[in-house]
Amino acid sequence: RAQVYSPGNGVTPPRVVRSAPMPRPASPVIIECVIEADGTLAAPKVVRSGEPGDDQAVLESVTQWRFKAGTKDGTPVAVRFYLSFPRSR
């Protein structure tokens, strides 16, 4: 695997370019993942858990998302990224 960067210090964060319908979790869910240089999402894992069914529903949705990759010195690179999904109101 190529080096995975964090946003900042000359590394731009990825941007969502296509998302899938997202369930509104009953409590906040935070996903840690790597956005690859080709804009695909890899290694998603829940780092803040909501209700048991919410975690799985959020993971299933974000695996369908596509991103514009983060860059370092103008070149697309893999970037560690966090996605936060607020609870329903």
C-alpha atoms as a PDB file:
ATOM      1  CA  ARG A   1       0.000   0.000   0.000  1.00  0.00           C
ATOM      2  CA  ALA A   2       1.145   3.519  -0.796  1.00  0.00           C
ATOM      3  CA  GLN A   3       1.629   6.047   1.981  1.00  0.00           C
ATOM      4  CA  VAL A   4      -1.568   7.362   3.568  1.00  0.00           C
ATOM      5  CA  TYR A   5      -1.541  11.079   4.359  1.00  0.00           C
ATOM      6  CA  SER A   6      -3.608  13.232   6.707  1.00  0.00           C
ATOM      7  CA  PRO A   7      -5.139  16.532   5.525  1.00  0.00           C
ATOM      8  CA  GLY A   8      -3.017  19.605   6.253  1.00  0.00           C
ATOM      9  CA  ASN A   9       0.624  20.543   5.677  1.00  0.00           C
ATOM     10  CA  GLY A  10       0.164  20.738   1.901  1.00  0.00           C
ATOM     11  CA  VAL A  11      -2.279  17.806   1.666  1.00  0.00           C
ATOM     12  CA  THR A  12      -5.773  18.781   0.527  1.00  0.00           C
ATOM     13  CA  PRO A  13      -8.714  16.776   1.878  1.00  0.00           C
ATOM     14  CA  PRO A  14     -10.876  14.641  -0.415  1.00  0.00           C
ATOM     15  CA  ARG A  15     -14.308  15.900  -1.506  1.00  0.00           C
ATOM     16  CA  VAL A  16     -17.497  13.927  -1.970  1.00  0.00           C
ATOM     17  CA  VAL A  17     -18.535  13.903  -5.643  1.00  0.00           C
ATOM     18  CA  ARG A  18     -21.235  11.224  -5.453  1.00  0.00           C
ATOM     19  CA  SER A  19     -23.150  10.024  -2.421  1.00  0.00           C
ATOM     20  CA  ALA A  20     -25.802   7.411  -1.859  1.00  0.00           C
ATOM     21  CA  PRO A  21     -28.987   7.875   0.171  1.00  0.00           C
ATOM     22  CA  MET A  22     -28.009   8.015   3.818  1.00  0.00           C
ATOM     23  CA  PRO A  23     -30.123   6.860   6.737  1.00  0.00           C
ATOM     24  CA  ARG A  24     -30.401   9.330   9.612  1.00  0.00           C
ATOM     25  CA  PRO A  25     -28.922   7.499  12.603  1.00  0.00           C
ATOM     26  CA  ALA A  26     -30.602   7.689  16.018  1.00  0.00           C
ATOM     27  CA  SER A  27     -27.248   8.751  17.518  1.00  0.00           C
ATOM     28  CA  PRO A  28     -24.069  10.124  15.900  1.00  0.00           C
ATOM     29  CA  VAL A  29     -21.880   7.743  13.896  1.00  0.00           C
ATOM     30  CA  ILE A  30     -18.283   8.547  12.883  1.00  0.00           C
ATOM     31  CA  ILE A  31     -16.521   6.525  10.199  1.00  0.00           C
ATOM     32  CA  GLU A  32     -12.747   6.471   9.707  1.00  0.00           C
ATOM     33  CA  CYS A  33     -11.598   5.491   6.226  1.00  0.00           C
ATOM     34  CA  VAL A  34      -8.958   6.000   3.591  1.00  0.00           C
ATOM     35  CA  ILE A  35      -9.859   7.783   0.377  1.00  0.00           C
ATOM     36  CA  GLU A  36      -7.585   6.272  -2.257  1.00  0.00           C
ATOM     37  CA  ALA A  37      -5.864   8.266  -5.001  1.00  0.00           C
ATOM     38  CA  ASP A  38      -8.548   7.035  -7.443  1.00  0.00           C
ATOM     39  CA  GLY A  39     -11.370   8.454  -5.270  1.00  0.00           C
ATOM     40  CA  THR A  40     -12.627   5.151  -3.884  1.00  0.00           C
ATOM     41  CA  LEU A  41     -13.237   4.568  -0.198  1.00  0.00           C
ATOM     42  CA  ALA A  42     -11.185   1.857   1.520  1.00  0.00           C
ATOM     43  CA  ALA A  43     -10.988   0.338   4.991  1.00  0.00           C
ATOM     44  CA  PRO A  44     -14.082   1.992   6.483  1.00  0.00           C
ATOM     45  CA  LYS A  45     -14.562   1.375  10.191  1.00  0.00           C
ATOM     46  CA  VAL A  46     -16.854   2.798  12.836  1.00  0.00           C
ATOM     47  CA  VAL A  47     -14.888   4.823  15.400  1.00  0.00           C
ATOM     48  CA  ARG A  48     -17.943   6.239  17.172  1.00  0.00           C
ATOM     49  CA  SER A  49     -20.860   3.927  17.325  1.00  0.00           C
ATOM     50  CA  GLY A  50     -24.523   4.765  17.231  1.00  0.00           C
ATOM     51  CA  GLU A  51     -27.331   2.265  17.621  1.00  0.00           C
ATOM     52  CA  PRO A  52     -26.390  -1.261  16.418  1.00  0.00           C
ATOM     53  CA  GLY A  53     -28.480  -1.130  13.232  1.00  0.00           C
ATOM     54  CA  ASP A  54     -27.367   2.422  12.441  1.00  0.00           C
ATOM     55  CA  ASP A  55     -23.675   1.517  12.173  1.00  0.00           C
ATOM     56  CA  GLN A  56     -24.258  -1.117   9.513  1.00  0.00           C
ATOM     57  CA  ALA A  57     -26.657   1.064   7.520  1.00  0.00           C
ATOM     58  CA  VAL A  58     -24.175   3.968   7.479  1.00  0.00           C
ATOM     59  CA  LEU A  59     -21.292   1.671   6.446  1.00  0.00           C
ATOM     60  CA  GLU A  60     -23.363   0.183   3.605  1.00  0.00           C
ATOM     61  CA  SER A  61     -24.202   3.654   2.317  1.00  0.00           C
ATOM     62  CA  VAL A  62     -20.701   5.181   2.467  1.00  0.00           C
ATOM     63  CA  THR A  63     -19.122   2.262   0.600  1.00  0.00           C
ATOM     64  CA  GLN A  64     -21.118   3.472  -2.428  1.00  0.00           C
ATOM     65  CA  TRP A  65     -19.770   7.026  -2.235  1.00  0.00           C
ATOM     66  CA  ARG A  66     -17.108   8.363  -4.605  1.00  0.00           C
ATOM     67  CA  PHE A  67     -14.664  11.167  -3.925  1.00  0.00           C
ATOM     68  CA  LYS A  68     -12.311  13.570  -5.616  1.00  0.00           C
ATOM     69  CA  ALA A  69      -9.038  12.427  -4.100  1.00  0.00           C
ATOM     70  CA  GLY A  70      -6.971  14.587  -1.807  1.00  0.00           C
ATOM     71  CA  THR A  71      -3.730  15.857  -3.281  1.00  0.00           C
ATOM     72  CA  LYS A  72      -0.159  16.502  -2.238  1.00  0.00           C
ATOM     73  CA  ASP A  73       1.806  18.866  -4.457  1.00  0.00           C
ATOM     74  CA  GLY A  74      -0.985  18.574  -7.053  1.00  0.00           C
ATOM     75  CA  THR A  75      -0.814  14.769  -7.252  1.00  0.00           C
ATOM     76  CA  PRO A  76      -3.713  12.586  -6.015  1.00  0.00           C
ATOM     77  CA  VAL A  77      -2.759  10.630  -2.877  1.00  0.00           C
ATOM     78  CA  ALA A  78      -4.435   8.341  -0.338  1.00  0.00           C
ATOM     79  CA  VAL A  79      -5.791  10.380   2.595  1.00  0.00           C
ATOM     80  CA  ARG A  80      -7.122   9.244   5.982  1.00  0.00           C
ATOM     81  CA  PHE A  81     -10.566  10.790   6.340  1.00  0.00           C
ATOM     82  CA  TYR A  82     -13.389  10.938   8.880  1.00  0.00           C
ATOM     83  CA  LEU A  83     -17.077  11.093   7.991  1.00  0.00           C
ATOM     84  CA  SER A  84     -19.546  12.181  10.636  1.00  0.00           C
ATOM     85  CA  PHE A  85     -23.247  11.439  10.443  1.00  0.00           C
ATOM     86  CA  PRO A  86     -25.423  13.391  12.862  1.00  0.00           C
ATOM     87  CA  ARG A  87     -28.349  11.818  14.581  1.00  0.00           C
ATOM     88  CA  SER A  88     -31.869  12.328  13.309  1.00  0.00           C
ATOM     89  CA  ARG A  89     -33.842  15.151  14.843  1.00  0.00           C
END
